[in-house]
Amino acid sequence: MDADKSTCGREPDSQYVELAVEVFGMLADATRVRLILALREGELSVTRLAEIVDKTPAATSQHLAKLRLARMVTTRREGQTIYYSLANEHASKLVSDAIFQAEHALESQPRHHHPGAGE
């Protein structure tokens, strides 16, 4: 069991700690958090994502490029349109957990603790 923790990098002296800090840094931007939240439901075009996060397509593309470099999102091209999707479930989980933590900071009974509340 301890070997599993070491292999997964969850020990305080893990080589992955600094990389984890970079992941948190990448998510330390409201637009990028909103993009991750928007992509939880599936693949979306840059134009649609720009509408959702209320930014220009150019600004949205810059944020998506950073998320792509961090390997949090992937792309697919169809003609002139580029579609983005989450690379895996971990970015979504991180953002959801951060939102849940924020609810704890603001509410004595966070919404995610209510019966029937989902992600």
N, C-alpha and C. Protein backbone atom coordinates (compact mmCIF):
# COMPACT_ATOMS: atom_id res chain seq x y z
N MET A 1 0.82 -1.19 0.00
CA MET A 1 0.00 0.00 0.00
C MET A 1 0.87 1.25 0.00
N ASP A 2 1.92 1.30 0.80
CA ASP A 2 2.80 2.47 0.81
C ASP A 2 3.49 2.65 -0.53
N ALA A 3 3.79 1.55 -1.20
CA ALA A 3 4.42 1.65 -2.51
C ALA A 3 3.52 2.38 -3.49
N ASP A 4 2.20 2.16 -3.38
CA ASP A 4 1.28 2.85 -4.26
C ASP A 4 1.35 4.37 -4.07
N LYS A 5 1.43 4.82 -2.82
CA LYS A 5 1.50 6.26 -2.55
C LYS A 5 2.76 6.85 -3.18
N SER A 6 3.87 6.18 -3.03
CA SER A 6 5.13 6.68 -3.58
C SER A 6 5.08 6.72 -5.10
N THR A 7 4.54 5.67 -5.68
CA THR A 7 4.45 5.59 -7.13
C THR A 7 3.56 6.71 -7.68
N CYS A 8 2.49 7.02 -6.98
CA CYS A 8 1.57 8.05 -7.44
C CYS A 8 2.06 9.46 -7.10
N GLY A 9 3.12 9.56 -6.33
CA GLY A 9 3.68 10.87 -6.04
C GLY A 9 2.99 11.63 -4.94
N ARG A 10 2.32 10.93 -4.01
CA ARG A 10 1.57 11.63 -2.97
C ARG A 10 2.34 11.75 -1.66
N GLU A 11 3.63 11.62 -1.69
CA GLU A 11 4.46 11.80 -0.51
C GLU A 11 5.01 13.23 -0.50
N PRO A 12 5.26 13.81 0.68
CA PRO A 12 5.75 15.19 0.74
C PRO A 12 7.07 15.42 -0.01
N ASP A 13 7.88 14.38 -0.14
CA ASP A 13 9.16 14.55 -0.83
C ASP A 13 9.10 14.12 -2.29
N SER A 14 7.90 13.94 -2.82
CA SER A 14 7.72 13.49 -4.20
C SER A 14 8.27 14.49 -5.20
N GLN A 15 8.77 13.96 -6.28
CA GLN A 15 9.26 14.80 -7.38
C GLN A 15 8.11 15.56 -8.07
N TYR A 16 6.88 15.17 -7.80
CA TYR A 16 5.73 15.78 -8.46
C TYR A 16 5.18 16.99 -7.73
N VAL A 17 5.68 17.29 -6.54
CA VAL A 17 5.14 18.41 -5.77
C VAL A 17 5.29 19.72 -6.54
N GLU A 18 6.47 19.98 -7.10
CA GLU A 18 6.68 21.23 -7.84
C GLU A 18 5.78 21.31 -9.07
N LEU A 19 5.60 20.17 -9.73
CA LEU A 19 4.70 20.15 -10.89
C LEU A 19 3.26 20.40 -10.47
N ALA A 20 2.87 19.87 -9.32
CA ALA A 20 1.53 20.12 -8.81
C ALA A 20 1.32 21.61 -8.55
N VAL A 21 2.35 22.28 -8.03
CA VAL A 21 2.27 23.72 -7.80
C VAL A 21 2.07 24.45 -9.13
N GLU A 22 2.72 23.99 -10.18
CA GLU A 22 2.52 24.60 -11.50
C GLU A 22 1.08 24.39 -11.99
N VAL A 23 0.51 23.24 -11.70
CA VAL A 23 -0.89 22.98 -12.06
C VAL A 23 -1.79 23.97 -11.34
N PHE A 24 -1.57 24.16 -10.03
CA PHE A 24 -2.37 25.13 -9.29
C PHE A 24 -2.18 26.53 -9.86
N GLY A 25 -0.96 26.87 -10.23
CA GLY A 25 -0.69 28.17 -10.84
C GLY A 25 -1.46 28.35 -12.14
N MET A 26 -1.52 27.30 -12.94
CA MET A 26 -2.26 27.35 -14.20
C MET A 26 -3.75 27.59 -13.93
N LEU A 27 -4.25 27.07 -12.84
CA LEU A 27 -5.67 27.24 -12.51
C LEU A 27 -5.93 28.48 -11.66
N ALA A 28 -4.92 29.28 -11.41
CA ALA A 28 -5.08 30.49 -10.61
C ALA A 28 -5.52 31.66 -11.49
N ASP A 29 -6.48 31.39 -12.35
CA ASP A 29 -7.02 32.40 -13.26
C ASP A 29 -8.49 32.08 -13.47
N ALA A 30 -9.35 33.03 -13.22
CA ALA A 30 -10.80 32.79 -13.29
C ALA A 30 -11.25 32.35 -14.68
N THR A 31 -10.68 32.91 -15.73
CA THR A 31 -11.07 32.50 -17.08
C THR A 31 -10.73 31.05 -17.33
N ARG A 32 -9.54 30.61 -16.92
CA ARG A 32 -9.16 29.22 -17.15
C ARG A 32 -10.02 28.27 -16.32
N VAL A 33 -10.38 28.67 -15.11
CA VAL A 33 -11.29 27.85 -14.30
C VAL A 33 -12.64 27.74 -15.00
N ARG A 34 -13.13 28.85 -15.52
CA ARG A 34 -14.41 28.84 -16.24
C ARG A 34 -14.35 27.96 -17.49
N LEU A 35 -13.22 27.98 -18.18
CA LEU A 35 -13.06 27.13 -19.36
C LEU A 35 -13.10 25.65 -18.97
N ILE A 36 -12.43 25.29 -17.89
CA ILE A 36 -12.45 23.90 -17.43
C ILE A 36 -13.89 23.50 -17.07
N LEU A 37 -14.59 24.38 -16.37
CA LEU A 37 -15.98 24.10 -16.00
C LEU A 37 -16.85 23.91 -17.25
N ALA A 38 -16.65 24.76 -18.25
CA ALA A 38 -17.44 24.67 -19.47
C ALA A 38 -17.17 23.36 -20.22
N LEU A 39 -15.94 22.89 -20.17
CA LEU A 39 -15.57 21.69 -20.91
C LEU A 39 -15.94 20.39 -20.22
N ARG A 40 -16.49 20.47 -19.01
CA ARG A 40 -16.90 19.25 -18.31
C ARG A 40 -17.97 18.48 -19.08
N GLU A 41 -18.80 19.20 -19.81
CA GLU A 41 -19.89 18.56 -20.56
C GLU A 41 -19.44 17.99 -21.89
N GLY A 42 -18.22 18.32 -22.31
CA GLY A 42 -17.71 17.78 -23.58
C GLY A 42 -17.05 18.83 -24.43
N GLU A 43 -16.74 18.42 -25.62
CA GLU A 43 -15.99 19.21 -26.59
C GLU A 43 -16.76 20.46 -27.03
N LEU A 44 -16.02 21.59 -27.10
CA LEU A 44 -16.62 22.85 -27.54
C LEU A 44 -15.64 23.61 -28.43
N SER A 45 -16.18 24.42 -29.32
CA SER A 45 -15.34 25.25 -30.19
C SER A 45 -14.84 26.47 -29.43
N VAL A 46 -13.79 27.08 -29.95
CA VAL A 46 -13.25 28.30 -29.35
C VAL A 46 -14.33 29.39 -29.32
N THR A 47 -15.08 29.50 -30.40
CA THR A 47 -16.13 30.52 -30.47
C THR A 47 -17.16 30.32 -29.36
N ARG A 48 -17.60 29.08 -29.19
CA ARG A 48 -18.60 28.81 -28.14
C ARG A 48 -18.00 29.04 -26.76
N LEU A 49 -16.77 28.61 -26.54
CA LEU A 49 -16.12 28.84 -25.25
C LEU A 49 -15.98 30.33 -24.96
N ALA A 50 -15.64 31.11 -25.98
CA ALA A 50 -15.52 32.56 -25.81
C ALA A 50 -16.85 33.16 -25.36
N GLU A 51 -17.94 32.69 -25.94
CA GLU A 51 -19.27 33.16 -25.53
C GLU A 51 -19.54 32.81 -24.07
N ILE A 52 -19.21 31.59 -23.69
CA ILE A 52 -19.49 31.11 -22.33
C ILE A 52 -18.71 31.92 -21.29
N VAL A 53 -17.43 32.20 -21.57
CA VAL A 53 -16.60 32.89 -20.58
C VAL A 53 -16.61 34.41 -20.77
N ASP A 54 -17.38 34.89 -21.77
CA ASP A 54 -17.54 36.31 -22.04
C ASP A 54 -16.20 37.01 -22.31
N LYS A 55 -15.41 36.38 -23.18
CA LYS A 55 -14.12 36.93 -23.62
C LYS A 55 -14.09 36.90 -25.13
N THR A 56 -13.16 37.61 -25.73
CA THR A 56 -13.00 37.53 -27.18
C THR A 56 -12.43 36.16 -27.55
N PRO A 57 -12.68 35.72 -28.78
CA PRO A 57 -12.08 34.46 -29.21
C PRO A 57 -10.54 34.48 -29.09
N ALA A 58 -9.92 35.62 -29.37
CA ALA A 58 -8.46 35.71 -29.28
C ALA A 58 -7.98 35.52 -27.84
N ALA A 59 -8.63 36.19 -26.90
CA ALA A 59 -8.25 36.04 -25.49
C ALA A 59 -8.51 34.61 -25.02
N THR A 60 -9.64 34.05 -25.44
CA THR A 60 -9.98 32.68 -25.06
C THR A 60 -8.94 31.71 -25.61
N SER A 61 -8.53 31.93 -26.85
CA SER A 61 -7.52 31.07 -27.47
C SER A 61 -6.20 31.10 -26.70
N GLN A 62 -5.83 32.28 -26.20
CA GLN A 62 -4.59 32.39 -25.42
C GLN A 62 -4.68 31.56 -24.14
N HIS A 63 -5.81 31.63 -23.45
CA HIS A 63 -5.99 30.83 -22.23
C HIS A 63 -5.99 29.34 -22.56
N LEU A 64 -6.66 28.98 -23.64
CA LEU A 64 -6.71 27.58 -24.04
C LEU A 64 -5.33 27.06 -24.44
N ALA A 65 -4.53 27.92 -25.05
CA ALA A 65 -3.16 27.51 -25.42
C ALA A 65 -2.35 27.18 -24.17
N LYS A 66 -2.52 27.97 -23.13
CA LYS A 66 -1.81 27.69 -21.87
C LYS A 66 -2.29 26.37 -21.27
N LEU A 67 -3.60 26.15 -21.28
CA LEU A 67 -4.13 24.89 -20.76
C LEU A 67 -3.67 23.70 -21.61
N ARG A 68 -3.51 23.93 -22.89
CA ARG A 68 -3.02 22.86 -23.78
C ARG A 68 -1.56 22.54 -23.48
N LEU A 69 -0.74 23.58 -23.30
CA LEU A 69 0.66 23.36 -22.94
C LEU A 69 0.80 22.61 -21.62
N ALA A 70 -0.13 22.86 -20.72
CA ALA A 70 -0.14 22.16 -19.42
C ALA A 70 -0.77 20.77 -19.53
N ARG A 71 -1.18 20.40 -20.73
CA ARG A 71 -1.80 19.11 -21.02
C ARG A 71 -3.11 18.88 -20.26
N MET A 72 -3.83 19.97 -20.04
CA MET A 72 -5.14 19.87 -19.40
C MET A 72 -6.25 19.76 -20.42
N VAL A 73 -6.02 20.28 -21.62
CA VAL A 73 -7.00 20.19 -22.70
C VAL A 73 -6.32 19.65 -23.95
N THR A 74 -7.15 19.10 -24.82
CA THR A 74 -6.67 18.63 -26.12
C THR A 74 -7.51 19.30 -27.20
N THR A 75 -7.02 19.22 -28.43
CA THR A 75 -7.71 19.86 -29.54
C THR A 75 -8.03 18.86 -30.65
N ARG A 76 -9.01 19.27 -31.44
CA ARG A 76 -9.37 18.55 -32.65
C ARG A 76 -9.79 19.59 -33.66
N ARG A 77 -9.27 19.48 -34.87
CA ARG A 77 -9.63 20.43 -35.93
C ARG A 77 -10.63 19.79 -36.87
N GLU A 78 -11.65 20.58 -37.21
CA GLU A 78 -12.63 20.18 -38.22
C GLU A 78 -12.79 21.36 -39.17
N GLY A 79 -12.15 21.29 -40.31
CA GLY A 79 -12.14 22.43 -41.24
C GLY A 79 -11.39 23.58 -40.61
N GLN A 80 -12.05 24.73 -40.50
CA GLN A 80 -11.44 25.91 -39.89
C GLN A 80 -11.69 26.00 -38.39
N THR A 81 -12.49 25.09 -37.86
CA THR A 81 -12.89 25.16 -36.46
C THR A 81 -12.03 24.25 -35.60
N ILE A 82 -11.56 24.79 -34.48
CA ILE A 82 -10.81 23.99 -33.51
C ILE A 82 -11.71 23.73 -32.32
N TYR A 83 -11.80 22.48 -31.94
CA TYR A 83 -12.59 22.06 -30.80
C TYR A 83 -11.67 21.66 -29.66
N TYR A 84 -12.05 22.04 -28.47
CA TYR A 84 -11.28 21.71 -27.27
C TYR A 84 -12.07 20.76 -26.39
N SER A 85 -11.34 19.89 -25.70
CA SER A 85 -11.94 19.01 -24.71
C SER A 85 -10.94 18.80 -23.59
N LEU A 86 -11.42 18.33 -22.45
CA LEU A 86 -10.52 18.04 -21.34
C LEU A 86 -9.66 16.84 -21.68
N ALA A 87 -8.39 16.91 -21.32
CA ALA A 87 -7.47 15.81 -21.62
C ALA A 87 -7.76 14.59 -20.75
N ASN A 88 -8.25 14.84 -19.54
CA ASN A 88 -8.61 13.75 -18.62
C ASN A 88 -9.53 14.34 -17.55
N GLU A 89 -9.94 13.53 -16.62
CA GLU A 89 -10.90 13.98 -15.60
C GLU A 89 -10.27 14.78 -14.46
N HIS A 90 -8.95 14.83 -14.38
CA HIS A 90 -8.31 15.42 -13.21
C HIS A 90 -8.47 16.94 -13.10
N ALA A 91 -8.37 17.67 -14.20
CA ALA A 91 -8.55 19.12 -14.14
C ALA A 91 -9.97 19.45 -13.68
N SER A 92 -10.94 18.71 -14.19
CA SER A 92 -12.33 18.92 -13.78
C SER A 92 -12.49 18.65 -12.29
N LYS A 93 -11.88 17.60 -11.80
CA LYS A 93 -11.98 17.25 -10.38
C LYS A 93 -11.31 18.32 -9.52
N LEU A 94 -10.14 18.79 -9.94
CA LEU A 94 -9.46 19.85 -9.19
C LEU A 94 -10.33 21.10 -9.09
N VAL A 95 -10.91 21.50 -10.20
CA VAL A 95 -11.74 22.71 -10.22
C VAL A 95 -12.99 22.49 -9.38
N SER A 96 -13.62 21.34 -9.51
CA SER A 96 -14.81 21.06 -8.70
C SER A 96 -14.47 21.09 -7.21
N ASP A 97 -13.36 20.47 -6.83
CA ASP A 97 -12.96 20.48 -5.42
C ASP A 97 -12.66 21.90 -4.94
N ALA A 98 -12.06 22.72 -5.80
CA ALA A 98 -11.79 24.11 -5.41
C ALA A 98 -13.09 24.89 -5.22
N ILE A 99 -14.07 24.64 -6.08
CA ILE A 99 -15.38 25.29 -5.94
C ILE A 99 -16.03 24.84 -4.63
N PHE A 100 -15.94 23.54 -4.34
CA PHE A 100 -16.50 23.03 -3.08
C PHE A 100 -15.82 23.67 -1.88
N GLN A 101 -14.51 23.83 -1.94
CA GLN A 101 -13.78 24.48 -0.86
C GLN A 101 -14.22 25.93 -0.71
N ALA A 102 -14.43 26.60 -1.83
CA ALA A 102 -14.92 27.99 -1.79
C ALA A 102 -16.30 28.06 -1.14
N GLU A 103 -17.16 27.08 -1.43
CA GLU A 103 -18.47 27.05 -0.78
C GLU A 103 -18.33 26.95 0.73
N HIS A 104 -17.37 26.17 1.21
CA HIS A 104 -17.14 26.06 2.65
C HIS A 104 -16.73 27.41 3.25
N ALA A 105 -16.00 28.20 2.50
CA ALA A 105 -15.55 29.50 2.99
C ALA A 105 -16.70 30.49 3.10
N LEU A 106 -17.76 30.28 2.32
CA LEU A 106 -18.85 31.26 2.27
C LEU A 106 -20.15 30.81 2.93
N GLU A 107 -20.32 29.51 3.09
CA GLU A 107 -21.60 29.00 3.57
C GLU A 107 -21.40 28.04 4.74
N SER A 108 -22.28 28.13 5.74
CA SER A 108 -22.17 27.18 6.85
C SER A 108 -22.64 25.79 6.43
N GLN A 109 -23.57 25.72 5.49
CA GLN A 109 -24.03 24.45 4.92
C GLN A 109 -23.81 24.50 3.41
N PRO A 110 -22.61 24.15 2.95
CA PRO A 110 -22.33 24.23 1.51
C PRO A 110 -23.32 23.42 0.69
N ARG A 111 -23.64 23.93 -0.49
CA ARG A 111 -24.62 23.29 -1.36
C ARG A 111 -24.26 21.84 -1.69
N HIS A 112 -22.97 21.56 -1.83
CA HIS A 112 -22.60 20.20 -2.21
C HIS A 112 -22.80 19.19 -1.08
N HIS A 113 -23.12 19.66 0.12
CA HIS A 113 -23.44 18.76 1.23
C HIS A 113 -24.93 18.50 1.39
N HIS A 114 -25.74 19.20 0.62
CA HIS A 114 -27.19 19.01 0.68
C HIS A 114 -27.55 17.69 0.01
N PRO A 115 -28.52 16.99 0.55
CA PRO A 115 -28.95 15.72 -0.06
C PRO A 115 -29.37 15.95 -1.51
N GLY A 116 -28.89 15.08 -2.38
CA GLY A 116 -29.24 15.17 -3.79
C GLY A 116 -28.41 16.13 -4.59
N ALA A 117 -27.48 16.85 -3.92
CA ALA A 117 -26.62 17.79 -4.66
C ALA A 117 -25.60 17.00 -5.45
N GLY A 118 -25.42 17.37 -6.70
CA GLY A 118 -24.44 16.69 -7.55
C GLY A 118 -23.37 17.65 -7.99
N GLU A 119 -22.39 17.10 -8.68
CA GLU A 119 -21.32 17.93 -9.21
C GLU A 119 -21.76 18.61 -10.42
